[in-house]
């Protein structure tokens, strides 16, 4: 499975960005798709996840009500709509796919929120 993220950039506080993750390869083996982020000097943390079989998405408390994870059923792309961005959201954002025997990661995309 290969994951390619896009959509990062620089935005002012209060603004919005939309991240996308395109998956290719043996995508039928994927059970969960997630977005993680890692800020400088901090551990990587889970931001949001969506389960392939359905069910409600899950969010970190810090992004609830501001971020929305969704799946484009036409091509399987996973999107992360980020609204009301805060400087604390600055990080490298990674797409993750949980397969049967392996965890897959994208290369990451930088999100910078200026105050």
N, C-alpha and C. Protein backbone atom coordinates (compact mmCIF):
# COMPACT_ATOMS: atom_id res chain seq x y z
N UNK A 1 0.85 -1.18 0.00
CA UNK A 1 0.00 0.00 0.00
C UNK A 1 0.89 1.24 0.00
N UNK A 2 0.57 2.18 -0.87
CA UNK A 2 1.30 3.45 -0.93
C UNK A 2 0.32 4.57 -0.61
N UNK A 3 0.80 5.51 0.19
CA UNK A 3 -0.02 6.65 0.61
C UNK A 3 0.68 7.94 0.20
N UNK A 4 -0.07 8.84 -0.41
CA UNK A 4 0.49 10.13 -0.83
C UNK A 4 -0.42 11.23 -0.31
N UNK A 5 0.16 12.09 0.55
CA UNK A 5 -0.61 13.20 1.11
C UNK A 5 -0.42 14.45 0.26
N UNK A 6 -1.39 15.32 0.34
CA UNK A 6 -1.30 16.62 -0.31
C UNK A 6 -2.17 17.61 0.44
N UNK A 7 -1.94 18.90 0.20
CA UNK A 7 -2.82 19.93 0.74
C UNK A 7 -2.27 20.74 1.89
N UNK A 8 -1.08 20.44 2.37
CA UNK A 8 -0.52 21.23 3.45
C UNK A 8 -0.14 22.62 2.99
N UNK A 9 0.27 23.46 3.94
CA UNK A 9 0.69 24.80 3.60
C UNK A 9 0.70 25.72 4.79
N UNK A 10 0.77 27.00 4.49
CA UNK A 10 0.81 28.05 5.51
C UNK A 10 -0.52 28.78 5.52
N UNK A 11 -1.08 28.95 6.70
CA UNK A 11 -2.37 29.63 6.82
C UNK A 11 -2.38 30.44 8.11
N UNK A 12 -3.15 31.50 8.13
CA UNK A 12 -3.28 32.31 9.34
C UNK A 12 -4.25 31.64 10.31
N UNK A 13 -4.08 31.94 11.57
CA UNK A 13 -4.99 31.42 12.58
C UNK A 13 -6.43 31.79 12.23
N UNK A 14 -7.32 30.81 12.41
CA UNK A 14 -8.72 31.00 12.05
C UNK A 14 -9.06 30.53 10.64
N UNK A 15 -8.03 30.25 9.86
CA UNK A 15 -8.23 29.82 8.49
C UNK A 15 -8.48 28.33 8.36
N UNK A 16 -8.55 27.86 7.11
CA UNK A 16 -8.86 26.46 6.83
C UNK A 16 -7.87 25.87 5.84
N UNK A 17 -7.70 24.57 5.95
CA UNK A 17 -6.93 23.80 4.98
C UNK A 17 -7.61 22.44 4.82
N UNK A 18 -7.39 21.85 3.66
CA UNK A 18 -7.93 20.52 3.40
C UNK A 18 -6.78 19.61 2.97
N UNK A 19 -6.58 18.55 3.73
CA UNK A 19 -5.55 17.57 3.40
C UNK A 19 -6.20 16.38 2.70
N UNK A 20 -5.48 15.78 1.79
CA UNK A 20 -5.96 14.59 1.10
C UNK A 20 -4.91 13.51 1.15
N UNK A 21 -5.36 12.26 1.18
CA UNK A 21 -4.47 11.11 1.19
C UNK A 21 -4.97 10.12 0.14
N UNK A 22 -4.16 9.90 -0.86
CA UNK A 22 -4.51 8.95 -1.91
C UNK A 22 -3.80 7.64 -1.64
N UNK A 23 -4.57 6.56 -1.57
CA UNK A 23 -4.02 5.24 -1.31
C UNK A 23 -4.02 4.42 -2.59
N UNK A 24 -2.97 3.64 -2.79
CA UNK A 24 -2.90 2.75 -3.95
C UNK A 24 -2.26 1.43 -3.52
N UNK A 25 -2.41 0.43 -4.36
CA UNK A 25 -1.89 -0.89 -4.02
C UNK A 25 -3.00 -1.76 -3.46
N UNK A 26 -2.64 -2.60 -2.48
CA UNK A 26 -3.59 -3.56 -1.92
C UNK A 26 -4.51 -2.89 -0.89
N UNK A 27 -5.32 -1.98 -1.35
CA UNK A 27 -6.16 -1.18 -0.45
C UNK A 27 -7.29 -2.00 0.16
N UNK A 28 -7.63 -3.14 -0.44
CA UNK A 28 -8.69 -3.98 0.13
C UNK A 28 -8.33 -4.52 1.51
N UNK A 29 -7.03 -4.53 1.83
CA UNK A 29 -6.59 -5.05 3.13
C UNK A 29 -6.67 -4.02 4.24
N UNK A 30 -7.00 -2.78 3.90
CA UNK A 30 -7.00 -1.70 4.88
C UNK A 30 -8.29 -1.71 5.69
N UNK A 31 -8.15 -1.68 7.02
CA UNK A 31 -9.33 -1.65 7.88
C UNK A 31 -9.59 -0.27 8.47
N UNK A 32 -8.55 0.50 8.68
CA UNK A 32 -8.69 1.82 9.29
C UNK A 32 -7.76 2.80 8.57
N UNK A 33 -8.27 3.99 8.29
CA UNK A 33 -7.45 5.07 7.76
C UNK A 33 -7.44 6.20 8.79
N UNK A 34 -6.25 6.76 8.99
CA UNK A 34 -6.12 7.78 10.04
C UNK A 34 -5.25 8.92 9.58
N UNK A 35 -5.39 10.02 10.28
CA UNK A 35 -4.46 11.14 10.19
C UNK A 35 -3.78 11.30 11.54
N UNK A 36 -2.46 11.40 11.51
CA UNK A 36 -1.65 11.69 12.68
C UNK A 36 -0.92 13.01 12.42
N UNK A 37 -0.38 13.58 13.50
CA UNK A 37 0.47 14.75 13.34
C UNK A 37 1.60 14.71 14.35
N UNK A 38 2.68 15.38 13.99
CA UNK A 38 3.82 15.46 14.88
C UNK A 38 4.38 16.86 14.82
N UNK A 39 4.32 17.52 15.96
CA UNK A 39 4.88 18.86 16.09
C UNK A 39 6.34 18.75 16.54
N UNK A 40 7.16 19.78 16.30
CA UNK A 40 8.56 19.73 16.71
C UNK A 40 8.71 19.45 18.19
N UNK A 41 9.53 18.46 18.52
CA UNK A 41 9.79 18.14 19.92
C UNK A 41 8.70 17.37 20.61
N UNK A 42 7.69 16.97 19.87
CA UNK A 42 6.56 16.24 20.47
C UNK A 42 6.39 14.89 19.81
N UNK A 43 5.67 14.02 20.49
CA UNK A 43 5.39 12.69 19.93
C UNK A 43 4.29 12.79 18.88
N UNK A 44 4.32 11.83 17.99
CA UNK A 44 3.25 11.75 16.98
C UNK A 44 1.95 11.41 17.69
N UNK A 45 0.88 12.09 17.28
CA UNK A 45 -0.41 11.87 17.93
C UNK A 45 -1.50 11.64 16.89
N UNK A 46 -2.50 10.86 17.30
CA UNK A 46 -3.64 10.59 16.45
C UNK A 46 -4.55 11.82 16.39
N UNK A 47 -4.93 12.20 15.18
CA UNK A 47 -5.83 13.35 15.00
C UNK A 47 -7.25 12.86 14.73
N UNK A 48 -7.40 11.93 13.78
CA UNK A 48 -8.73 11.45 13.41
C UNK A 48 -8.59 10.12 12.69
N UNK A 49 -9.64 9.30 12.78
CA UNK A 49 -9.62 8.02 12.07
C UNK A 49 -11.00 7.71 11.53
N UNK A 50 -10.99 6.90 10.47
CA UNK A 50 -12.23 6.45 9.87
C UNK A 50 -12.08 4.97 9.56
N UNK A 51 -13.13 4.20 9.90
CA UNK A 51 -13.08 2.74 9.75
C UNK A 51 -13.67 2.36 8.41
N UNK A 52 -13.00 1.43 7.72
CA UNK A 52 -13.43 1.06 6.38
C UNK A 52 -14.83 0.47 6.35
N UNK A 53 -15.20 -0.27 7.38
CA UNK A 53 -16.50 -0.92 7.38
C UNK A 53 -17.65 -0.03 7.80
N UNK A 54 -17.38 1.23 8.12
CA UNK A 54 -18.43 2.14 8.55
C UNK A 54 -18.24 2.54 10.00
N UNK A 55 -19.24 3.16 10.55
CA UNK A 55 -19.14 3.66 11.92
C UNK A 55 -18.73 5.11 11.94
N UNK A 56 -18.89 5.72 13.06
CA UNK A 56 -18.61 7.15 13.18
C UNK A 56 -17.10 7.38 13.28
N UNK A 57 -16.61 8.39 12.63
CA UNK A 57 -15.19 8.73 12.77
C UNK A 57 -14.85 9.11 14.20
N UNK A 58 -13.58 9.00 14.53
CA UNK A 58 -13.11 9.35 15.86
C UNK A 58 -12.14 10.52 15.74
N UNK A 59 -12.13 11.39 16.77
CA UNK A 59 -11.29 12.57 16.74
C UNK A 59 -10.58 12.77 18.07
N UNK A 60 -9.38 13.35 17.99
CA UNK A 60 -8.73 13.80 19.21
C UNK A 60 -9.55 14.94 19.80
N UNK A 61 -9.54 15.04 21.11
CA UNK A 61 -10.32 16.09 21.77
C UNK A 61 -9.92 17.48 21.29
N UNK A 62 -8.65 17.65 20.99
CA UNK A 62 -8.13 18.97 20.61
C UNK A 62 -8.66 19.46 19.25
N UNK A 63 -9.21 18.55 18.44
CA UNK A 63 -9.69 18.96 17.12
C UNK A 63 -11.18 18.75 16.92
N UNK A 64 -11.86 18.20 17.91
CA UNK A 64 -13.30 17.97 17.78
C UNK A 64 -14.03 19.27 17.50
N UNK A 65 -14.94 19.21 16.53
CA UNK A 65 -15.70 20.39 16.18
C UNK A 65 -15.02 21.30 15.18
N UNK A 66 -13.73 21.04 14.93
CA UNK A 66 -12.98 21.87 13.96
C UNK A 66 -12.53 21.07 12.75
N UNK A 67 -12.20 19.81 12.95
CA UNK A 67 -11.69 18.95 11.88
C UNK A 67 -12.74 17.91 11.51
N UNK A 68 -12.77 17.55 10.22
CA UNK A 68 -13.66 16.51 9.74
C UNK A 68 -12.89 15.57 8.82
N UNK A 69 -12.93 14.28 9.13
CA UNK A 69 -12.32 13.27 8.27
C UNK A 69 -13.41 12.64 7.42
N UNK A 70 -13.10 12.39 6.16
CA UNK A 70 -14.10 11.81 5.27
C UNK A 70 -13.42 10.97 4.20
N UNK A 71 -14.22 10.14 3.56
CA UNK A 71 -13.73 9.28 2.48
C UNK A 71 -14.47 9.63 1.20
N UNK A 72 -13.72 9.78 0.12
CA UNK A 72 -14.32 9.98 -1.19
C UNK A 72 -14.55 8.59 -1.77
N UNK A 73 -15.81 8.16 -1.85
CA UNK A 73 -16.09 6.79 -2.28
C UNK A 73 -15.76 6.54 -3.75
N UNK A 74 -15.62 7.60 -4.51
CA UNK A 74 -15.31 7.42 -5.93
C UNK A 74 -13.89 6.88 -6.13
N UNK A 75 -12.95 7.36 -5.32
CA UNK A 75 -11.57 6.92 -5.52
C UNK A 75 -10.87 6.49 -4.23
N UNK A 76 -11.59 6.48 -3.12
CA UNK A 76 -11.01 6.02 -1.87
C UNK A 76 -10.12 7.03 -1.17
N UNK A 77 -10.03 8.23 -1.69
CA UNK A 77 -9.20 9.26 -1.06
C UNK A 77 -9.76 9.62 0.31
N UNK A 78 -8.86 9.78 1.28
CA UNK A 78 -9.25 10.20 2.61
C UNK A 78 -8.91 11.68 2.75
N UNK A 79 -9.87 12.46 3.20
CA UNK A 79 -9.68 13.89 3.34
C UNK A 79 -9.76 14.31 4.80
N UNK A 80 -9.05 15.36 5.13
CA UNK A 80 -9.14 15.96 6.45
C UNK A 80 -9.40 17.45 6.26
N UNK A 81 -10.62 17.86 6.52
CA UNK A 81 -10.98 19.28 6.44
C UNK A 81 -10.68 19.90 7.79
N UNK A 82 -9.84 20.91 7.79
CA UNK A 82 -9.41 21.55 9.03
C UNK A 82 -9.87 23.00 9.02
N UNK A 83 -10.75 23.33 9.95
CA UNK A 83 -11.29 24.67 10.06
C UNK A 83 -10.86 25.31 11.38
N UNK A 84 -10.97 26.61 11.44
CA UNK A 84 -10.61 27.37 12.65
C UNK A 84 -9.25 26.93 13.17
N UNK A 85 -8.29 26.91 12.29
CA UNK A 85 -6.96 26.45 12.65
C UNK A 85 -6.31 27.37 13.68
N UNK A 86 -5.52 26.74 14.54
CA UNK A 86 -4.83 27.44 15.61
C UNK A 86 -3.32 27.21 15.46
N UNK A 87 -2.50 28.11 16.00
CA UNK A 87 -1.05 27.90 15.93
C UNK A 87 -0.62 26.54 16.50
N UNK A 88 -1.38 26.05 17.48
CA UNK A 88 -1.06 24.75 18.08
C UNK A 88 -1.28 23.58 17.12
N UNK A 89 -1.94 23.84 16.01
CA UNK A 89 -2.15 22.79 15.00
C UNK A 89 -0.94 22.64 14.07
N UNK A 90 0.03 23.52 14.22
CA UNK A 90 1.23 23.43 13.38
C UNK A 90 1.95 22.12 13.62
N UNK A 91 2.18 21.37 12.54
CA UNK A 91 2.81 20.05 12.64
C UNK A 91 2.98 19.48 11.25
N UNK A 92 3.69 18.36 11.18
CA UNK A 92 3.68 17.55 9.98
C UNK A 92 2.55 16.55 10.14
N UNK A 93 1.69 16.50 9.15
CA UNK A 93 0.53 15.62 9.20
C UNK A 93 0.80 14.39 8.33
N UNK A 94 0.52 13.21 8.90
CA UNK A 94 0.79 11.95 8.23
C UNK A 94 -0.50 11.16 8.04
N UNK A 95 -0.63 10.59 6.89
CA UNK A 95 -1.71 9.65 6.62
C UNK A 95 -1.25 8.26 7.02
N UNK A 96 -2.14 7.49 7.60
CA UNK A 96 -1.83 6.13 8.05
C UNK A 96 -2.91 5.17 7.60
N UNK A 97 -2.48 3.98 7.19
CA UNK A 97 -3.42 2.92 6.81
C UNK A 97 -3.06 1.66 7.59
N UNK A 98 -4.05 1.13 8.28
CA UNK A 98 -3.85 -0.10 9.04
C UNK A 98 -4.28 -1.29 8.21
N UNK A 99 -3.29 -2.14 7.84
CA UNK A 99 -3.57 -3.32 7.07
C UNK A 99 -3.63 -4.55 7.96
N UNK A 100 -3.72 -5.71 7.34
CA UNK A 100 -3.83 -6.96 8.09
C UNK A 100 -2.56 -7.26 8.87
N UNK A 101 -1.42 -7.05 8.24
CA UNK A 101 -0.16 -7.41 8.87
C UNK A 101 0.80 -6.23 9.02
N UNK A 102 0.37 -5.05 8.55
CA UNK A 102 1.33 -3.96 8.51
C UNK A 102 0.63 -2.62 8.64
N UNK A 103 1.38 -1.67 9.18
CA UNK A 103 0.94 -0.29 9.30
C UNK A 103 1.66 0.51 8.21
N UNK A 104 0.92 1.28 7.44
CA UNK A 104 1.51 2.04 6.34
C UNK A 104 1.45 3.53 6.64
N UNK A 105 2.50 4.24 6.21
CA UNK A 105 2.58 5.69 6.44
C UNK A 105 2.88 6.43 5.15
N UNK A 106 2.29 7.62 5.05
CA UNK A 106 2.66 8.51 3.97
C UNK A 106 3.92 9.28 4.34
N UNK A 107 4.36 10.15 3.44
CA UNK A 107 5.60 10.89 3.65
C UNK A 107 5.40 12.11 4.53
N UNK A 108 4.17 12.52 4.73
CA UNK A 108 3.87 13.67 5.57
C UNK A 108 3.73 14.95 4.78
N UNK A 109 2.92 15.85 5.30
CA UNK A 109 2.74 17.17 4.69
C UNK A 109 2.74 18.22 5.81
N UNK A 110 3.46 19.30 5.58
CA UNK A 110 3.62 20.32 6.62
C UNK A 110 2.41 21.25 6.64
N UNK A 111 1.91 21.48 7.85
CA UNK A 111 0.86 22.48 8.09
C UNK A 111 1.42 23.49 9.08
N UNK A 112 1.42 24.75 8.68
CA UNK A 112 1.92 25.81 9.54
C UNK A 112 0.84 26.86 9.71
N UNK A 113 0.50 27.14 10.96
CA UNK A 113 -0.55 28.13 11.27
C UNK A 113 0.11 29.30 11.97
N UNK A 114 0.03 30.46 11.36
CA UNK A 114 0.65 31.65 11.95
C UNK A 114 -0.37 32.40 12.81
N UNK A 115 0.15 33.04 13.87
CA UNK A 115 -0.74 33.76 14.78
C UNK A 115 -0.93 35.20 14.34
